[in-house]
Amino acid sequence: MNSILTLQLTLILCSLLLTVGIITYLKHQMKLIILPIQHVGQKLSHPLLEQPSPIHMNDLLQTNHKQQLLIFTDTACPHCIPSLEQFLETIEQRKLNVSFSILLKNGQKKDQELYRDNQTNMQIIPVDEQLIEAFQIQEFPYYIMVEDDETISYAAPFPDGLYSRLPAK
């Protein structure tokens, strides 16, 4: 009888220790799930947001436009062309006024004529890995708005949050 009582107490103690261990583990996992403050909408905010541009816009684009949207794309990106087409369609439908350039990773000189038309004043600029790293681009496409004081005011892999900031034509 004593051995049964000892066995029961041992089982209760083991289950208690196991329960405490599981609760401790789950508390630790919950801390990992809760997003830190630097996360915006489940994505880490871009490190250059509200910072000066790493490249002078005049040096990069040879243009005198004040505000400039840079759209980083990659020739190997299957989402870049549809995203760009949707962006062009949206700015046309909403009659938004924005000066933008496509910075094409792995681009060739022949790619500069891609999407060129008389209605949009768009440049397609082949860029190297060094420029991609300077802007800390991790995914494509990526939209970065550089203001006239060369501060980055918008940085995201989609332009949705940008449309309300753009003036109409």
N, C-alpha and C. Protein backbone atom coordinates (compact mmCIF):
# COMPACT_ATOMS: atom_id res chain seq x y z
N MET A 1 0.82 -1.19 0.00
CA MET A 1 0.00 0.00 0.00
C MET A 1 0.87 1.26 0.00
N ASN A 2 1.95 1.20 0.75
CA ASN A 2 2.86 2.33 0.77
C ASN A 2 3.49 2.58 -0.59
N SER A 3 3.79 1.53 -1.30
CA SER A 3 4.40 1.68 -2.62
C SER A 3 3.42 2.29 -3.63
N ILE A 4 2.15 1.98 -3.50
CA ILE A 4 1.14 2.56 -4.39
C ILE A 4 1.00 4.05 -4.11
N LEU A 5 1.00 4.42 -2.85
CA LEU A 5 0.90 5.82 -2.46
C LEU A 5 2.14 6.60 -2.95
N THR A 6 3.31 6.01 -2.82
CA THR A 6 4.55 6.64 -3.30
C THR A 6 4.52 6.79 -4.82
N LEU A 7 4.03 5.78 -5.51
CA LEU A 7 3.92 5.84 -6.96
C LEU A 7 2.96 6.94 -7.39
N GLN A 8 1.82 7.05 -6.71
CA GLN A 8 0.85 8.09 -7.04
C GLN A 8 1.44 9.48 -6.79
N LEU A 9 2.13 9.67 -5.67
CA LEU A 9 2.74 10.96 -5.37
C LEU A 9 3.82 11.30 -6.40
N THR A 10 4.58 10.30 -6.82
CA THR A 10 5.61 10.50 -7.83
C THR A 10 4.99 10.91 -9.16
N LEU A 11 3.91 10.25 -9.54
CA LEU A 11 3.22 10.60 -10.79
C LEU A 11 2.64 12.02 -10.74
N ILE A 12 2.08 12.38 -9.60
CA ILE A 12 1.52 13.73 -9.44
C ILE A 12 2.64 14.77 -9.54
N LEU A 13 3.77 14.51 -8.88
CA LEU A 13 4.89 15.42 -8.92
C LEU A 13 5.45 15.55 -10.34
N CYS A 14 5.58 14.43 -11.05
CA CYS A 14 6.07 14.46 -12.44
C CYS A 14 5.13 15.23 -13.35
N SER A 15 3.83 15.02 -13.22
CA SER A 15 2.88 15.73 -14.05
C SER A 15 2.87 17.23 -13.73
N LEU A 16 3.08 17.58 -12.46
CA LEU A 16 3.16 18.97 -12.07
C LEU A 16 4.40 19.62 -12.69
N LEU A 17 5.53 18.95 -12.63
CA LEU A 17 6.76 19.47 -13.22
C LEU A 17 6.62 19.59 -14.75
N LEU A 18 6.00 18.61 -15.36
CA LEU A 18 5.78 18.65 -16.79
C LEU A 18 4.86 19.82 -17.17
N THR A 19 3.82 20.04 -16.40
CA THR A 19 2.90 21.15 -16.65
C THR A 19 3.62 22.49 -16.51
N VAL A 20 4.43 22.65 -15.48
CA VAL A 20 5.18 23.89 -15.29
C VAL A 20 6.15 24.09 -16.45
N GLY A 21 6.79 23.03 -16.91
CA GLY A 21 7.71 23.11 -18.04
C GLY A 21 7.00 23.53 -19.31
N ILE A 22 5.84 22.96 -19.56
CA ILE A 22 5.06 23.30 -20.75
C ILE A 22 4.60 24.75 -20.69
N ILE A 23 4.13 25.20 -19.54
CA ILE A 23 3.68 26.59 -19.38
C ILE A 23 4.83 27.55 -19.61
N THR A 24 5.99 27.24 -19.06
CA THR A 24 7.17 28.09 -19.25
C THR A 24 7.55 28.16 -20.72
N TYR A 25 7.53 27.02 -21.40
CA TYR A 25 7.86 26.97 -22.82
C TYR A 25 6.85 27.80 -23.62
N LEU A 26 5.57 27.66 -23.35
CA LEU A 26 4.55 28.39 -24.09
C LEU A 26 4.64 29.89 -23.83
N LYS A 27 4.98 30.30 -22.61
CA LYS A 27 5.16 31.72 -22.32
C LYS A 27 6.31 32.29 -23.14
N HIS A 28 7.38 31.52 -23.25
CA HIS A 28 8.52 31.95 -24.05
C HIS A 28 8.13 32.07 -25.52
N GLN A 29 7.37 31.11 -26.04
CA GLN A 29 6.92 31.15 -27.43
C GLN A 29 5.99 32.33 -27.68
N MET A 30 5.14 32.66 -26.74
CA MET A 30 4.23 33.80 -26.89
C MET A 30 5.01 35.11 -26.97
N LYS A 31 6.11 35.23 -26.23
CA LYS A 31 6.93 36.44 -26.31
C LYS A 31 7.53 36.58 -27.70
N LEU A 32 7.83 35.47 -28.35
CA LEU A 32 8.38 35.52 -29.69
C LEU A 32 7.33 35.92 -30.72
N ILE A 33 6.08 35.57 -30.46
CA ILE A 33 4.99 35.87 -31.39
C ILE A 33 4.61 37.34 -31.35
N ILE A 34 4.62 37.95 -30.17
CA ILE A 34 4.23 39.35 -30.03
C ILE A 34 5.27 40.20 -30.74
N LEU A 35 4.81 41.06 -31.66
CA LEU A 35 5.71 41.84 -32.50
C LEU A 35 6.30 43.01 -31.73
N PRO A 36 7.60 43.23 -31.88
CA PRO A 36 8.21 44.42 -31.27
C PRO A 36 7.68 45.69 -31.91
N ILE A 37 7.97 46.82 -31.30
CA ILE A 37 7.44 48.12 -31.76
C ILE A 37 7.91 48.46 -33.16
N GLN A 38 9.11 48.05 -33.56
CA GLN A 38 9.61 48.44 -34.88
C GLN A 38 8.89 47.73 -36.02
N HIS A 39 7.98 46.83 -35.73
CA HIS A 39 7.23 46.16 -36.79
C HIS A 39 6.01 47.00 -37.14
N VAL A 40 5.76 47.09 -38.43
CA VAL A 40 4.60 47.82 -38.92
C VAL A 40 3.76 46.84 -39.72
N GLY A 41 2.57 46.54 -39.26
CA GLY A 41 1.69 45.65 -40.01
C GLY A 41 2.32 44.30 -40.32
N GLN A 42 2.96 43.69 -39.37
CA GLN A 42 3.57 42.37 -39.45
C GLN A 42 4.83 42.34 -40.30
N LYS A 43 5.29 43.46 -40.80
CA LYS A 43 6.54 43.52 -41.55
C LYS A 43 7.46 44.49 -40.84
N LEU A 44 8.72 44.17 -40.83
CA LEU A 44 9.70 45.05 -40.24
C LEU A 44 9.78 46.32 -41.07
N SER A 45 9.69 47.49 -40.43
CA SER A 45 9.78 48.73 -41.20
C SER A 45 11.17 48.88 -41.78
N HIS A 46 11.24 49.55 -42.90
CA HIS A 46 12.51 49.71 -43.62
C HIS A 46 13.47 50.55 -42.78
N PRO A 47 14.72 50.15 -42.67
CA PRO A 47 15.67 50.88 -41.82
C PRO A 47 15.99 52.30 -42.31
N LEU A 48 15.75 52.60 -43.58
CA LEU A 48 16.04 53.93 -44.09
C LEU A 48 14.84 54.88 -44.04
N LEU A 49 13.70 54.39 -43.57
CA LEU A 49 12.50 55.22 -43.50
C LEU A 49 12.77 56.43 -42.61
N GLU A 50 12.41 57.62 -43.11
CA GLU A 50 12.64 58.90 -42.44
C GLU A 50 14.13 59.24 -42.30
N GLN A 51 14.98 58.57 -43.07
CA GLN A 51 16.42 58.83 -43.09
C GLN A 51 16.79 59.46 -44.43
N PRO A 52 17.97 60.08 -44.51
CA PRO A 52 18.43 60.61 -45.80
C PRO A 52 18.70 59.49 -46.79
N SER A 53 18.46 59.77 -48.05
CA SER A 53 18.73 58.80 -49.11
C SER A 53 20.23 58.50 -49.14
N PRO A 54 20.61 57.24 -49.33
CA PRO A 54 22.04 56.92 -49.39
C PRO A 54 22.71 57.41 -50.68
N ILE A 55 21.92 57.77 -51.68
CA ILE A 55 22.42 58.24 -52.97
C ILE A 55 21.74 59.57 -53.30
N HIS A 56 22.48 60.53 -53.81
CA HIS A 56 21.87 61.79 -54.25
C HIS A 56 21.05 61.52 -55.50
N MET A 57 19.81 62.00 -55.50
CA MET A 57 18.90 61.72 -56.61
C MET A 57 19.41 62.29 -57.93
N ASN A 58 20.02 63.47 -57.90
CA ASN A 58 20.54 64.05 -59.15
C ASN A 58 21.62 63.17 -59.74
N ASP A 59 22.46 62.58 -58.89
CA ASP A 59 23.52 61.69 -59.37
C ASP A 59 22.93 60.42 -59.97
N LEU A 60 21.88 59.91 -59.35
CA LEU A 60 21.28 58.65 -59.78
C LEU A 60 20.40 58.82 -61.02
N LEU A 61 19.55 59.83 -61.01
CA LEU A 61 18.52 59.94 -62.05
C LEU A 61 18.79 61.01 -63.10
N GLN A 62 19.69 61.93 -62.83
CA GLN A 62 19.94 63.06 -63.71
C GLN A 62 18.63 63.75 -64.08
N THR A 63 17.89 64.08 -63.05
CA THR A 63 16.61 64.76 -63.23
C THR A 63 16.49 65.87 -62.19
N ASN A 64 15.65 66.85 -62.48
CA ASN A 64 15.46 67.95 -61.53
C ASN A 64 14.12 67.84 -60.80
N HIS A 65 13.45 66.70 -60.90
CA HIS A 65 12.19 66.52 -60.17
C HIS A 65 12.49 66.53 -58.67
N LYS A 66 11.63 67.18 -57.95
CA LYS A 66 11.84 67.29 -56.50
C LYS A 66 11.56 65.95 -55.82
N GLN A 67 10.32 65.53 -55.82
CA GLN A 67 9.91 64.27 -55.18
C GLN A 67 10.05 63.15 -56.21
N GLN A 68 10.62 62.03 -55.80
CA GLN A 68 10.87 60.95 -56.75
C GLN A 68 10.52 59.60 -56.13
N LEU A 69 9.75 58.81 -56.86
CA LEU A 69 9.43 57.45 -56.44
C LEU A 69 10.39 56.50 -57.16
N LEU A 70 11.09 55.70 -56.39
CA LEU A 70 11.98 54.68 -56.95
C LEU A 70 11.29 53.34 -56.82
N ILE A 71 11.16 52.64 -57.93
CA ILE A 71 10.55 51.32 -57.92
C ILE A 71 11.64 50.31 -58.26
N PHE A 72 12.06 49.57 -57.25
CA PHE A 72 13.12 48.58 -57.44
C PHE A 72 12.50 47.28 -57.94
N THR A 73 13.01 46.80 -59.07
CA THR A 73 12.53 45.54 -59.64
C THR A 73 13.73 44.68 -60.01
N ASP A 74 13.45 43.45 -60.37
CA ASP A 74 14.49 42.50 -60.75
C ASP A 74 13.99 41.76 -61.99
N THR A 75 14.89 41.53 -62.93
CA THR A 75 14.48 40.81 -64.14
C THR A 75 14.04 39.39 -63.83
N ALA A 76 14.49 38.84 -62.70
CA ALA A 76 14.11 37.48 -62.32
C ALA A 76 12.86 37.43 -61.45
N CYS A 77 12.25 38.57 -61.18
CA CYS A 77 11.09 38.64 -60.28
C CYS A 77 9.79 38.41 -61.05
N PRO A 78 9.03 37.36 -60.70
CA PRO A 78 7.77 37.11 -61.41
C PRO A 78 6.65 38.07 -61.01
N HIS A 79 6.79 38.76 -59.88
CA HIS A 79 5.73 39.65 -59.39
C HIS A 79 5.94 41.10 -59.82
N CYS A 80 7.13 41.42 -60.31
CA CYS A 80 7.47 42.82 -60.59
C CYS A 80 6.65 43.43 -61.73
N ILE A 81 6.54 42.74 -62.83
CA ILE A 81 5.81 43.29 -63.98
C ILE A 81 4.32 43.46 -63.65
N PRO A 82 3.64 42.44 -63.06
CA PRO A 82 2.23 42.67 -62.70
C PRO A 82 2.05 43.80 -61.69
N SER A 83 2.96 43.92 -60.74
CA SER A 83 2.87 44.99 -59.75
C SER A 83 3.05 46.35 -60.43
N LEU A 84 3.98 46.44 -61.33
CA LEU A 84 4.21 47.68 -62.06
C LEU A 84 3.02 48.03 -62.95
N GLU A 85 2.45 47.04 -63.61
CA GLU A 85 1.26 47.28 -64.44
C GLU A 85 0.09 47.79 -63.60
N GLN A 86 -0.09 47.19 -62.43
CA GLN A 86 -1.17 47.63 -61.54
C GLN A 86 -0.91 49.06 -61.05
N PHE A 87 0.34 49.35 -60.72
CA PHE A 87 0.71 50.70 -60.29
C PHE A 87 0.40 51.72 -61.39
N LEU A 88 0.82 51.43 -62.62
CA LEU A 88 0.58 52.34 -63.74
C LEU A 88 -0.91 52.56 -63.98
N GLU A 89 -1.66 51.48 -63.88
CA GLU A 89 -3.11 51.57 -64.06
C GLU A 89 -3.75 52.42 -62.97
N THR A 90 -3.32 52.24 -61.74
CA THR A 90 -3.88 52.99 -60.61
C THR A 90 -3.57 54.47 -60.72
N ILE A 91 -2.33 54.82 -61.05
CA ILE A 91 -2.02 56.26 -61.15
C ILE A 91 -2.74 56.90 -62.33
N GLU A 92 -3.01 56.12 -63.37
CA GLU A 92 -3.77 56.66 -64.51
C GLU A 92 -5.24 56.84 -64.13
N GLN A 93 -5.83 55.83 -63.46
CA GLN A 93 -7.24 55.92 -63.07
C GLN A 93 -7.49 57.05 -62.08
N ARG A 94 -6.61 57.18 -61.12
CA ARG A 94 -6.78 58.21 -60.08
C ARG A 94 -6.20 59.56 -60.49
N LYS A 95 -5.57 59.60 -61.67
CA LYS A 95 -4.95 60.82 -62.18
C LYS A 95 -3.98 61.41 -61.15
N LEU A 96 -3.07 60.56 -60.69
CA LEU A 96 -2.09 60.97 -59.69
C LEU A 96 -0.84 61.52 -60.36
N ASN A 97 -0.27 62.53 -59.74
CA ASN A 97 0.93 63.16 -60.26
C ASN A 97 2.13 62.66 -59.48
N VAL A 98 2.95 61.85 -60.12
CA VAL A 98 4.14 61.32 -59.46
C VAL A 98 5.24 61.11 -60.49
N SER A 99 6.43 61.52 -60.12
CA SER A 99 7.59 61.28 -60.96
C SER A 99 8.24 60.01 -60.41
N PHE A 100 8.44 59.03 -61.27
CA PHE A 100 9.00 57.76 -60.79
C PHE A 100 9.97 57.18 -61.78
N SER A 101 10.84 56.34 -61.26
CA SER A 101 11.83 55.64 -62.07
C SER A 101 11.87 54.18 -61.64
N ILE A 102 12.12 53.33 -62.61
CA ILE A 102 12.25 51.90 -62.35
C ILE A 102 13.74 51.60 -62.26
N LEU A 103 14.17 51.07 -61.14
CA LEU A 103 15.56 50.67 -60.97
C LEU A 103 15.60 49.16 -61.13
N LEU A 104 16.15 48.71 -62.22
CA LEU A 104 16.07 47.31 -62.63
C LEU A 104 17.36 46.56 -62.32
N LYS A 105 17.28 45.67 -61.36
CA LYS A 105 18.43 44.82 -61.03
C LYS A 105 18.62 43.81 -62.16
N ASN A 106 19.86 43.57 -62.51
CA ASN A 106 20.21 42.66 -63.60
C ASN A 106 19.71 43.17 -64.95
N GLY A 107 19.42 44.44 -65.05
CA GLY A 107 18.91 45.00 -66.29
C GLY A 107 20.01 45.24 -67.31
N GLN A 108 19.61 45.26 -68.57
CA GLN A 108 20.51 45.52 -69.68
C GLN A 108 20.10 46.83 -70.34
N LYS A 109 20.91 47.34 -71.23
CA LYS A 109 20.57 48.58 -71.94
C LYS A 109 19.26 48.46 -72.72
N LYS A 110 19.02 47.28 -73.31
CA LYS A 110 17.79 47.08 -74.09
C LYS A 110 16.53 47.20 -73.23
N ASP A 111 16.66 46.94 -71.90
CA ASP A 111 15.52 47.02 -71.00
C ASP A 111 15.06 48.45 -70.77
N GLN A 112 15.86 49.44 -71.14
CA GLN A 112 15.49 50.83 -70.92
C GLN A 112 14.28 51.24 -71.76
N GLU A 113 14.00 50.52 -72.82
CA GLU A 113 12.84 50.83 -73.65
C GLU A 113 11.57 50.14 -73.17
N LEU A 114 11.69 49.27 -72.19
CA LEU A 114 10.53 48.57 -71.63
C LEU A 114 9.57 49.58 -71.01
N TYR A 115 8.30 49.52 -71.36
CA TYR A 115 7.24 50.39 -70.83
C TYR A 115 7.42 51.86 -71.17
N ARG A 116 8.29 52.18 -72.09
CA ARG A 116 8.45 53.59 -72.43
C ARG A 116 7.29 54.03 -73.31
N ASP A 117 6.67 55.12 -72.92
CA ASP A 117 5.61 55.71 -73.74
C ASP A 117 5.63 57.23 -73.56
N ASN A 118 4.79 57.91 -74.27
CA ASN A 118 4.78 59.37 -74.21
C ASN A 118 3.97 59.91 -73.04
N GLN A 119 3.11 59.07 -72.46
CA GLN A 119 2.24 59.56 -71.39
C GLN A 119 2.93 59.59 -70.03
N THR A 120 3.80 58.65 -69.78
CA THR A 120 4.50 58.63 -68.49
C THR A 120 5.93 59.06 -68.70
N ASN A 121 6.40 59.87 -67.79
CA ASN A 121 7.78 60.34 -67.85
C ASN A 121 8.62 59.41 -66.97
N MET A 122 8.69 58.16 -67.36
CA MET A 122 9.31 57.13 -66.55
C MET A 122 10.66 56.76 -67.14
N GLN A 123 11.62 56.60 -66.24
CA GLN A 123 12.94 56.13 -66.64
C GLN A 123 13.11 54.69 -66.16
N ILE A 124 13.77 53.88 -66.97
CA ILE A 124 14.15 52.54 -66.53
C ILE A 124 15.67 52.52 -66.49
N ILE A 125 16.19 52.31 -65.30
CA ILE A 125 17.63 52.42 -65.09
C ILE A 125 18.18 51.08 -64.61
N PRO A 126 19.06 50.45 -65.39
CA PRO A 126 19.71 49.23 -64.90
C PRO A 126 20.63 49.59 -63.73
N VAL A 127 20.52 48.84 -62.64
CA VAL A 127 21.35 49.10 -61.46
C VAL A 127 22.08 47.84 -61.05
N ASP A 128 23.14 48.04 -60.29
CA ASP A 128 23.94 46.91 -59.83
C ASP A 128 23.60 46.56 -58.38
N GLU A 129 24.21 45.50 -57.91
CA GLU A 129 23.96 45.01 -56.56
C GLU A 129 24.37 46.04 -55.50
N GLN A 130 25.36 46.84 -55.79
CA GLN A 130 25.85 47.84 -54.84
C GLN A 130 24.76 48.87 -54.52
N LEU A 131 24.03 49.32 -55.54
CA LEU A 131 22.95 50.28 -55.31
C LEU A 131 21.79 49.63 -54.55
N ILE A 132 21.49 48.37 -54.89
CA ILE A 132 20.43 47.63 -54.19
C ILE A 132 20.79 47.54 -52.71
N GLU A 133 22.03 47.25 -52.41
CA GLU A 133 22.49 47.14 -51.01
C GLU A 133 22.47 48.50 -50.32
N ALA A 134 22.80 49.58 -51.05
CA ALA A 134 22.80 50.91 -50.46
C ALA A 134 21.40 51.29 -49.96
N PHE A 135 20.37 50.89 -50.71
CA PHE A 135 18.99 51.16 -50.30
C PHE A 135 18.41 50.04 -49.42
N GLN A 136 19.22 49.04 -49.13
CA GLN A 136 18.85 47.92 -48.25
C GLN A 136 17.57 47.22 -48.72
N ILE A 137 17.52 46.92 -50.01
CA ILE A 137 16.38 46.24 -50.60
C ILE A 137 16.56 44.74 -50.40
N GLN A 138 15.55 44.09 -49.81
CA GLN A 138 15.59 42.66 -49.52
C GLN A 138 14.65 41.86 -50.41
N GLU A 139 13.65 42.54 -51.01
CA GLU A 139 12.66 41.85 -51.83
C GLU A 139 12.24 42.74 -52.98
N PHE A 140 11.65 42.13 -53.98
CA PHE A 140 11.21 42.86 -55.17
C PHE A 140 9.76 42.55 -55.45
N PRO A 141 8.99 43.48 -55.99
CA PRO A 141 9.33 44.88 -56.19
C PRO A 141 9.37 45.61 -54.84
N TYR A 142 9.97 46.79 -54.83
CA TYR A 142 10.04 47.60 -53.62
C TYR A 142 9.92 49.06 -54.02
N TYR A 143 9.03 49.78 -53.34
CA TYR A 143 8.72 51.17 -53.65
C TYR A 143 9.31 52.09 -52.57
N ILE A 144 10.13 53.04 -53.00
CA ILE A 144 10.73 53.99 -52.07
C ILE A 144 10.48 55.41 -52.58
N MET A 145 9.86 56.23 -51.72
CA MET A 145 9.60 57.63 -52.07
C MET A 145 10.68 58.50 -51.42
N VAL A 146 11.37 59.27 -52.27
CA VAL A 146 12.39 60.18 -51.79
C VAL A 146 11.85 61.60 -51.98
N GLU A 147 11.78 62.33 -50.88
CA GLU A 147 11.23 63.70 -50.91
C GLU A 147 12.27 64.68 -51.46
N ASP A 148 11.85 65.94 -51.65
CA ASP A 148 12.75 66.94 -52.23
C ASP A 148 13.96 67.24 -51.35
N ASP A 149 13.85 66.98 -50.04
CA ASP A 149 15.03 67.17 -49.18
C ASP A 149 15.86 65.88 -49.08
N GLU A 150 15.55 64.92 -49.97
CA GLU A 150 16.24 63.63 -50.09
C GLU A 150 16.08 62.75 -48.86
N THR A 151 14.94 62.91 -48.18
CA THR A 151 14.58 62.04 -47.07
C THR A 151 13.62 60.98 -47.59
N ILE A 152 13.78 59.77 -47.13
CA ILE A 152 12.90 58.67 -47.56
C ILE A 152 11.63 58.72 -46.72
N SER A 153 10.49 58.95 -47.39
CA SER A 153 9.22 59.08 -46.66
C SER A 153 8.33 57.85 -46.77
N TYR A 154 8.63 56.97 -47.70
CA TYR A 154 7.81 55.77 -47.88
C TYR A 154 8.72 54.65 -48.37
N ALA A 155 8.56 53.47 -47.78
CA ALA A 155 9.34 52.31 -48.20
C ALA A 155 8.53 51.05 -47.90
N ALA A 156 8.11 50.35 -48.96
CA ALA A 156 7.31 49.15 -48.80
C ALA A 156 7.35 48.32 -50.08
N PRO A 157 7.04 47.03 -49.97
CA PRO A 157 7.04 46.18 -51.17
C PRO A 157 5.76 46.32 -52.01
N PHE A 158 4.91 47.26 -51.66
CA PHE A 158 3.67 47.50 -52.39
C PHE A 158 3.36 48.99 -52.29
N PRO A 159 2.69 49.57 -53.29
CA PRO A 159 2.45 51.01 -53.29
C PRO A 159 1.15 51.44 -52.64
N ASP A 160 0.40 50.53 -52.05
CA ASP A 160 -0.95 50.85 -51.56
C ASP A 160 -1.00 52.04 -50.60
N GLY A 161 -0.07 52.12 -49.66
CA GLY A 161 -0.07 53.22 -48.70
C GLY A 161 0.41 54.53 -49.29
N LEU A 162 0.88 54.49 -50.49
CA LEU A 162 1.45 55.67 -51.15
C LEU A 162 0.39 56.50 -51.87
N TYR A 163 -0.65 55.86 -52.35
CA TYR A 163 -1.63 56.54 -53.22
C TYR A 163 -2.27 57.74 -52.56
N SER A 164 -2.59 57.66 -51.27
CA SER A 164 -3.26 58.77 -50.60
C SER A 164 -2.31 59.97 -50.40
N ARG A 165 -1.01 59.76 -50.52
CA ARG A 165 -0.04 60.83 -50.34
C ARG A 165 0.25 61.59 -51.64
N LEU A 166 -0.15 61.04 -52.75
CA LEU A 166 0.18 61.64 -54.04
C LEU A 166 -0.87 62.65 -54.47
N PRO A 167 -0.45 63.81 -54.98
CA PRO A 167 -1.41 64.80 -55.44
C PRO A 167 -2.01 64.39 -56.80
N ALA A 168 -3.20 64.88 -57.07
CA ALA A 168 -3.82 64.63 -58.39
C ALA A 168 -3.24 65.60 -59.39
N LYS A 169 -3.33 65.19 -60.67
CA LYS A 169 -2.81 66.05 -61.77
C LYS A 169 -3.65 67.27 -61.95
